[in-house]
N, C-alpha and C. Protein backbone atom coordinates (compact mmCIF):
# COMPACT_ATOMS: atom_id res chain seq x y z
N MET A 1 0.85 -1.17 0.00
CA MET A 1 0.00 0.00 0.00
C MET A 1 0.89 1.23 0.00
N SER A 2 0.54 2.20 -0.83
CA SER A 2 1.36 3.41 -0.88
C SER A 2 1.19 4.22 0.40
N SER A 3 2.21 5.03 0.69
CA SER A 3 2.15 5.81 1.92
C SER A 3 1.05 6.87 1.87
N ARG A 4 0.72 7.33 0.67
CA ARG A 4 -0.35 8.32 0.53
C ARG A 4 -1.69 7.72 0.92
N ILE A 5 -1.98 6.52 0.47
CA ILE A 5 -3.24 5.86 0.82
C ILE A 5 -3.29 5.58 2.33
N GLY A 6 -2.18 5.13 2.89
CA GLY A 6 -2.12 4.89 4.33
C GLY A 6 -2.33 6.16 5.12
N HIS A 7 -1.77 7.26 4.62
CA HIS A 7 -1.94 8.56 5.27
C HIS A 7 -3.42 8.97 5.25
N ILE A 8 -4.07 8.76 4.12
CA ILE A 8 -5.50 9.11 4.00
C ILE A 8 -6.34 8.23 4.92
N ILE A 9 -6.06 6.93 4.95
CA ILE A 9 -6.81 6.02 5.83
C ILE A 9 -6.63 6.44 7.29
N GLY A 10 -5.40 6.75 7.67
CA GLY A 10 -5.13 7.18 9.04
C GLY A 10 -5.91 8.42 9.42
N TRP A 11 -5.94 9.40 8.52
CA TRP A 11 -6.67 10.64 8.82
C TRP A 11 -8.18 10.44 8.83
N ILE A 12 -8.70 9.61 7.95
CA ILE A 12 -10.15 9.33 7.95
C ILE A 12 -10.55 8.70 9.28
N CYS A 13 -9.80 7.71 9.72
CA CYS A 13 -10.10 7.07 11.00
C CYS A 13 -9.98 8.06 12.16
N ALA A 14 -8.96 8.91 12.10
CA ALA A 14 -8.76 9.90 13.16
C ALA A 14 -9.92 10.90 13.21
N ILE A 15 -10.41 11.32 12.06
CA ILE A 15 -11.51 12.28 12.02
C ILE A 15 -12.80 11.65 12.53
N ILE A 16 -13.03 10.38 12.20
CA ILE A 16 -14.23 9.70 12.71
C ILE A 16 -14.17 9.59 14.23
N VAL A 17 -13.02 9.19 14.76
CA VAL A 17 -12.85 9.08 16.22
C VAL A 17 -13.03 10.45 16.87
N ALA A 18 -12.44 11.47 16.28
CA ALA A 18 -12.55 12.83 16.84
C ALA A 18 -14.00 13.30 16.82
N ALA A 19 -14.71 13.02 15.74
CA ALA A 19 -16.12 13.44 15.66
C ALA A 19 -16.95 12.74 16.72
N PHE A 20 -16.73 11.45 16.91
CA PHE A 20 -17.45 10.69 17.93
C PHE A 20 -17.19 11.28 19.32
N ASN A 21 -15.93 11.55 19.61
CA ASN A 21 -15.58 12.07 20.93
C ASN A 21 -15.99 13.53 21.12
N LEU A 22 -15.93 14.33 20.08
CA LEU A 22 -16.40 15.71 20.20
C LEU A 22 -17.90 15.75 20.44
N PHE A 23 -18.64 14.88 19.77
CA PHE A 23 -20.09 14.81 20.02
C PHE A 23 -20.34 14.45 21.48
N ALA A 24 -19.63 13.45 21.97
CA ALA A 24 -19.79 13.04 23.37
C ALA A 24 -19.41 14.17 24.32
N ALA A 25 -18.35 14.91 23.98
CA ALA A 25 -17.91 16.02 24.84
C ALA A 25 -18.94 17.15 24.85
N VAL A 26 -19.47 17.49 23.70
CA VAL A 26 -20.47 18.57 23.62
C VAL A 26 -21.73 18.17 24.38
N MET A 27 -22.11 16.91 24.30
CA MET A 27 -23.31 16.46 25.00
C MET A 27 -23.15 16.55 26.52
N LYS A 28 -21.92 16.57 27.00
CA LYS A 28 -21.68 16.71 28.44
C LYS A 28 -21.96 18.14 28.92
N PHE A 29 -22.02 19.09 27.99
CA PHE A 29 -22.32 20.48 28.34
C PHE A 29 -23.81 20.83 28.19
N VAL A 30 -24.58 19.93 27.60
CA VAL A 30 -26.02 20.16 27.45
C VAL A 30 -26.69 19.93 28.81
N PRO A 31 -27.51 20.89 29.25
CA PRO A 31 -28.16 20.72 30.56
C PRO A 31 -29.06 19.48 30.58
N ILE A 32 -29.04 18.78 31.70
CA ILE A 32 -29.85 17.57 31.86
C ILE A 32 -31.16 17.96 32.53
N VAL A 33 -32.26 17.54 31.92
CA VAL A 33 -33.58 17.80 32.47
C VAL A 33 -33.80 16.87 33.66
N PRO A 34 -34.20 17.40 34.80
CA PRO A 34 -34.46 16.55 35.97
C PRO A 34 -35.54 15.51 35.67
N GLY A 35 -35.28 14.27 36.05
CA GLY A 35 -36.21 13.18 35.84
C GLY A 35 -36.12 12.54 34.46
N SER A 36 -35.19 12.99 33.63
CA SER A 36 -35.06 12.45 32.28
C SER A 36 -34.22 11.17 32.30
N PRO A 37 -34.26 10.40 31.20
CA PRO A 37 -33.39 9.22 31.11
C PRO A 37 -31.90 9.58 31.20
N ALA A 38 -31.54 10.77 30.72
CA ALA A 38 -30.13 11.19 30.79
C ALA A 38 -29.70 11.37 32.24
N GLU A 39 -30.59 11.90 33.08
CA GLU A 39 -30.25 12.06 34.49
C GLU A 39 -30.13 10.69 35.17
N GLU A 40 -31.02 9.78 34.81
CA GLU A 40 -30.95 8.43 35.37
C GLU A 40 -29.65 7.73 34.95
N MET A 41 -29.26 7.90 33.69
CA MET A 41 -28.01 7.30 33.19
C MET A 41 -26.81 7.91 33.92
N SER A 42 -26.82 9.22 34.10
CA SER A 42 -25.73 9.90 34.81
C SER A 42 -25.62 9.38 36.24
N ARG A 43 -26.75 9.20 36.89
CA ARG A 43 -26.73 8.70 38.26
C ARG A 43 -26.27 7.24 38.28
N LYS A 44 -26.70 6.44 37.30
CA LYS A 44 -26.32 5.02 37.26
C LYS A 44 -24.81 4.85 37.07
N LEU A 45 -24.22 5.74 36.27
CA LEU A 45 -22.78 5.67 36.02
C LEU A 45 -21.95 6.38 37.07
N GLY A 46 -22.60 7.10 37.97
CA GLY A 46 -21.88 7.81 39.01
C GLY A 46 -21.17 9.05 38.50
N MET A 47 -21.73 9.71 37.49
CA MET A 47 -21.09 10.85 36.87
C MET A 47 -21.72 12.19 37.28
N GLU A 48 -22.54 12.20 38.29
CA GLU A 48 -23.16 13.44 38.72
C GLU A 48 -22.10 14.43 39.17
N GLY A 49 -22.13 15.64 38.62
CA GLY A 49 -21.16 16.65 38.98
C GLY A 49 -19.84 16.55 38.23
N LEU A 50 -19.67 15.53 37.42
CA LEU A 50 -18.41 15.35 36.68
C LEU A 50 -18.54 15.64 35.20
N MET A 51 -19.72 16.01 34.76
CA MET A 51 -19.95 16.15 33.32
C MET A 51 -19.07 17.24 32.70
N TYR A 52 -19.03 18.44 33.30
CA TYR A 52 -18.23 19.52 32.72
C TYR A 52 -16.73 19.21 32.71
N PRO A 53 -16.16 18.76 33.82
CA PRO A 53 -14.73 18.42 33.77
C PRO A 53 -14.42 17.31 32.75
N LEU A 54 -15.28 16.32 32.64
CA LEU A 54 -15.05 15.26 31.67
C LEU A 54 -15.16 15.78 30.24
N GLY A 55 -16.09 16.70 30.00
CA GLY A 55 -16.23 17.30 28.68
C GLY A 55 -15.00 18.10 28.29
N VAL A 56 -14.48 18.89 29.23
CA VAL A 56 -13.26 19.67 28.97
C VAL A 56 -12.09 18.73 28.71
N LEU A 57 -11.95 17.71 29.53
CA LEU A 57 -10.87 16.73 29.36
C LEU A 57 -10.96 16.06 27.99
N GLU A 58 -12.16 15.69 27.59
CA GLU A 58 -12.34 15.01 26.30
C GLU A 58 -11.98 15.92 25.13
N ILE A 59 -12.34 17.20 25.23
CA ILE A 59 -11.98 18.14 24.16
C ILE A 59 -10.46 18.31 24.08
N ILE A 60 -9.80 18.41 25.22
CA ILE A 60 -8.33 18.54 25.24
C ILE A 60 -7.68 17.31 24.61
N ILE A 61 -8.18 16.14 24.94
CA ILE A 61 -7.62 14.90 24.38
C ILE A 61 -7.82 14.85 22.87
N VAL A 62 -8.99 15.25 22.40
CA VAL A 62 -9.25 15.25 20.95
C VAL A 62 -8.31 16.21 20.23
N VAL A 63 -8.10 17.39 20.80
CA VAL A 63 -7.18 18.35 20.17
C VAL A 63 -5.76 17.78 20.12
N LEU A 64 -5.31 17.20 21.22
CA LEU A 64 -3.97 16.58 21.23
C LEU A 64 -3.88 15.45 20.21
N PHE A 65 -4.95 14.68 20.07
CA PHE A 65 -4.97 13.56 19.13
C PHE A 65 -4.93 14.04 17.68
N LEU A 66 -5.59 15.14 17.37
CA LEU A 66 -5.65 15.60 15.99
C LEU A 66 -4.40 16.36 15.54
N LEU A 67 -3.73 17.04 16.46
CA LEU A 67 -2.53 17.77 16.07
C LEU A 67 -1.39 16.78 15.79
N PRO A 68 -0.80 16.84 14.60
CA PRO A 68 0.24 15.87 14.24
C PRO A 68 1.41 15.82 15.23
N ARG A 69 1.80 16.96 15.77
CA ARG A 69 2.95 17.01 16.68
C ARG A 69 2.66 16.30 18.00
N THR A 70 1.41 16.30 18.45
CA THR A 70 1.05 15.71 19.74
C THR A 70 0.16 14.48 19.59
N SER A 71 0.09 13.94 18.38
CA SER A 71 -0.85 12.83 18.13
C SER A 71 -0.50 11.57 18.91
N THR A 72 0.76 11.32 19.18
CA THR A 72 1.12 10.13 19.96
C THR A 72 0.63 10.26 21.39
N VAL A 73 0.84 11.42 22.00
CA VAL A 73 0.33 11.64 23.36
C VAL A 73 -1.19 11.59 23.36
N GLY A 74 -1.81 12.22 22.35
CA GLY A 74 -3.27 12.20 22.24
C GLY A 74 -3.80 10.79 22.08
N PHE A 75 -3.09 9.96 21.32
CA PHE A 75 -3.51 8.57 21.14
C PHE A 75 -3.48 7.81 22.47
N VAL A 76 -2.40 7.98 23.20
CA VAL A 76 -2.27 7.28 24.49
C VAL A 76 -3.36 7.74 25.46
N LEU A 77 -3.59 9.06 25.53
CA LEU A 77 -4.63 9.58 26.41
C LEU A 77 -6.02 9.12 25.97
N MET A 78 -6.24 9.08 24.65
CA MET A 78 -7.54 8.65 24.13
C MET A 78 -7.79 7.18 24.45
N ILE A 79 -6.78 6.35 24.32
CA ILE A 79 -6.92 4.93 24.68
C ILE A 79 -7.27 4.80 26.16
N GLY A 80 -6.59 5.57 26.99
CA GLY A 80 -6.88 5.53 28.43
C GLY A 80 -8.28 6.01 28.75
N TYR A 81 -8.71 7.10 28.13
CA TYR A 81 -10.04 7.64 28.38
C TYR A 81 -11.12 6.66 27.92
N MET A 82 -10.95 6.12 26.71
CA MET A 82 -11.94 5.17 26.18
C MET A 82 -11.92 3.86 26.97
N GLY A 83 -10.75 3.46 27.44
CA GLY A 83 -10.68 2.27 28.30
C GLY A 83 -11.44 2.47 29.59
N GLY A 84 -11.33 3.67 30.16
CA GLY A 84 -12.10 3.98 31.36
C GLY A 84 -13.59 4.00 31.09
N ALA A 85 -13.98 4.54 29.93
CA ALA A 85 -15.40 4.54 29.57
C ALA A 85 -15.92 3.12 29.41
N LEU A 86 -15.13 2.27 28.76
CA LEU A 86 -15.54 0.88 28.58
C LEU A 86 -15.65 0.17 29.92
N ALA A 87 -14.65 0.35 30.77
CA ALA A 87 -14.68 -0.30 32.09
C ALA A 87 -15.87 0.18 32.91
N THR A 88 -16.14 1.48 32.87
CA THR A 88 -17.28 2.02 33.62
C THR A 88 -18.59 1.42 33.12
N ASN A 89 -18.75 1.37 31.81
CA ASN A 89 -19.99 0.81 31.26
C ASN A 89 -20.15 -0.67 31.60
N LEU A 90 -19.09 -1.42 31.49
CA LEU A 90 -19.19 -2.87 31.74
C LEU A 90 -19.40 -3.18 33.22
N THR A 91 -18.84 -2.35 34.11
CA THR A 91 -19.01 -2.61 35.54
C THR A 91 -20.31 -2.06 36.10
N HIS A 92 -21.05 -1.32 35.29
CA HIS A 92 -22.32 -0.77 35.73
C HIS A 92 -23.52 -1.42 35.03
N GLY A 93 -23.33 -2.63 34.55
CA GLY A 93 -24.45 -3.42 34.07
C GLY A 93 -24.80 -3.30 32.60
N PHE A 94 -23.97 -2.66 31.80
CA PHE A 94 -24.25 -2.59 30.37
C PHE A 94 -23.83 -3.90 29.72
N SER A 95 -24.55 -4.29 28.69
CA SER A 95 -24.21 -5.54 28.00
C SER A 95 -23.11 -5.26 26.97
N GLN A 96 -22.52 -6.33 26.46
CA GLN A 96 -21.49 -6.20 25.44
C GLN A 96 -22.05 -5.50 24.19
N ALA A 97 -23.30 -5.79 23.86
CA ALA A 97 -23.90 -5.19 22.68
C ALA A 97 -24.05 -3.67 22.83
N GLU A 98 -24.25 -3.20 24.05
CA GLU A 98 -24.44 -1.77 24.27
C GLU A 98 -23.13 -0.99 24.20
N VAL A 99 -22.01 -1.66 24.31
CA VAL A 99 -20.72 -0.97 24.26
C VAL A 99 -19.98 -1.21 22.95
N ILE A 100 -20.67 -1.75 21.96
CA ILE A 100 -20.05 -1.97 20.64
C ILE A 100 -19.47 -0.69 20.06
N PRO A 101 -20.14 0.48 20.20
CA PRO A 101 -19.51 1.70 19.66
C PRO A 101 -18.12 1.97 20.25
N ILE A 102 -17.90 1.64 21.50
CA ILE A 102 -16.57 1.85 22.09
C ILE A 102 -15.55 0.91 21.46
N TYR A 103 -15.96 -0.33 21.19
CA TYR A 103 -15.06 -1.27 20.51
C TYR A 103 -14.71 -0.77 19.11
N VAL A 104 -15.69 -0.19 18.42
CA VAL A 104 -15.45 0.36 17.08
C VAL A 104 -14.46 1.52 17.16
N VAL A 105 -14.61 2.38 18.17
CA VAL A 105 -13.67 3.49 18.35
C VAL A 105 -12.27 2.95 18.62
N PHE A 106 -12.15 1.90 19.43
CA PHE A 106 -10.84 1.29 19.67
C PHE A 106 -10.22 0.80 18.36
N LEU A 107 -11.01 0.16 17.52
CA LEU A 107 -10.51 -0.33 16.24
C LEU A 107 -10.04 0.82 15.36
N LEU A 108 -10.87 1.87 15.26
CA LEU A 108 -10.49 3.03 14.44
C LEU A 108 -9.27 3.75 15.01
N LEU A 109 -9.17 3.82 16.33
CA LEU A 109 -7.99 4.41 16.97
C LEU A 109 -6.72 3.64 16.61
N THR A 110 -6.82 2.32 16.65
CA THR A 110 -5.67 1.48 16.34
C THR A 110 -5.25 1.65 14.88
N ILE A 111 -6.22 1.66 13.97
CA ILE A 111 -5.91 1.85 12.56
C ILE A 111 -5.28 3.22 12.34
N SER A 112 -5.85 4.23 12.97
CA SER A 112 -5.31 5.59 12.84
C SER A 112 -3.88 5.67 13.36
N ALA A 113 -3.63 5.07 14.51
CA ALA A 113 -2.28 5.11 15.08
C ALA A 113 -1.29 4.35 14.21
N TYR A 114 -1.73 3.26 13.60
CA TYR A 114 -0.85 2.47 12.75
C TYR A 114 -0.34 3.30 11.58
N PHE A 115 -1.24 4.07 10.98
CA PHE A 115 -0.84 4.86 9.80
C PHE A 115 -0.29 6.24 10.14
N ARG A 116 -0.77 6.87 11.21
CA ARG A 116 -0.33 8.23 11.55
C ARG A 116 0.89 8.24 12.46
N ASN A 117 1.09 7.20 13.26
CA ASN A 117 2.19 7.16 14.23
C ASN A 117 2.99 5.87 14.10
N PRO A 118 3.74 5.71 13.02
CA PRO A 118 4.50 4.46 12.83
C PRO A 118 5.55 4.24 13.91
N GLU A 119 5.94 5.31 14.63
CA GLU A 119 6.95 5.15 15.68
C GLU A 119 6.43 4.28 16.83
N LEU A 120 5.11 4.24 17.03
CA LEU A 120 4.57 3.40 18.10
C LEU A 120 4.85 1.92 17.83
N LEU A 121 4.58 1.49 16.60
CA LEU A 121 4.81 0.09 16.25
C LEU A 121 6.30 -0.23 16.23
N SER A 122 7.11 0.70 15.75
CA SER A 122 8.55 0.42 15.70
C SER A 122 9.14 0.32 17.11
N ARG A 123 8.60 1.07 18.04
CA ARG A 123 9.09 0.97 19.43
C ARG A 123 8.70 -0.37 20.05
N LEU A 124 7.51 -0.86 19.71
CA LEU A 124 7.11 -2.17 20.22
C LEU A 124 8.00 -3.27 19.66
N ARG A 125 8.41 -3.12 18.42
CA ARG A 125 9.28 -4.13 17.78
C ARG A 125 10.75 -3.90 18.07
N LYS A 126 11.08 -2.81 18.78
CA LYS A 126 12.45 -2.42 19.12
C LYS A 126 13.29 -2.24 17.87
N LYS A 127 12.69 -1.60 16.87
CA LYS A 127 13.40 -1.26 15.63
C LYS A 127 13.54 0.24 15.57
N PRO A 128 14.43 0.74 14.72
CA PRO A 128 14.58 2.19 14.61
C PRO A 128 13.30 2.84 14.11
N VAL A 129 13.09 4.04 14.59
CA VAL A 129 11.91 4.80 14.19
C VAL A 129 12.07 5.21 12.73
N PRO A 130 11.05 4.94 11.88
CA PRO A 130 11.18 5.31 10.47
C PRO A 130 11.20 6.83 10.31
N ALA A 131 11.96 7.27 9.31
CA ALA A 131 12.05 8.71 9.03
C ALA A 131 10.76 9.20 8.41
N LYS A 132 10.33 10.39 8.81
CA LYS A 132 9.13 11.01 8.22
C LYS A 132 9.48 11.54 6.84
N VAL A 133 8.55 11.36 5.91
CA VAL A 133 8.77 11.82 4.55
C VAL A 133 7.96 13.05 4.30
């Protein structure tokens, strides 16, 4: 596969992940109507009072992930954040089918990191970091 196609695939996956996370971050700033299903979900997950800080954190992570210079740090933080979201959902009674979107985000994150951050894979293999073209 040519490096141009890999570059395009990496960016497409990164934009999809960023859009998913930005939507989730913006929804954390939308006021919750008392007695609504959103309030019940927030209470079930134990997120009462944490919505704004989590939204800000998620936006910061997305920005770090999208900027080429900080994309490796953003990738690591995004994996950690999404891992926490997955663990929270699974430990609070959600079924595997209900967390499929998080698994899809993990897959897209991995594909994006493979094409956008080749130094991650080379470090795992203990090979020299490839030169950027």
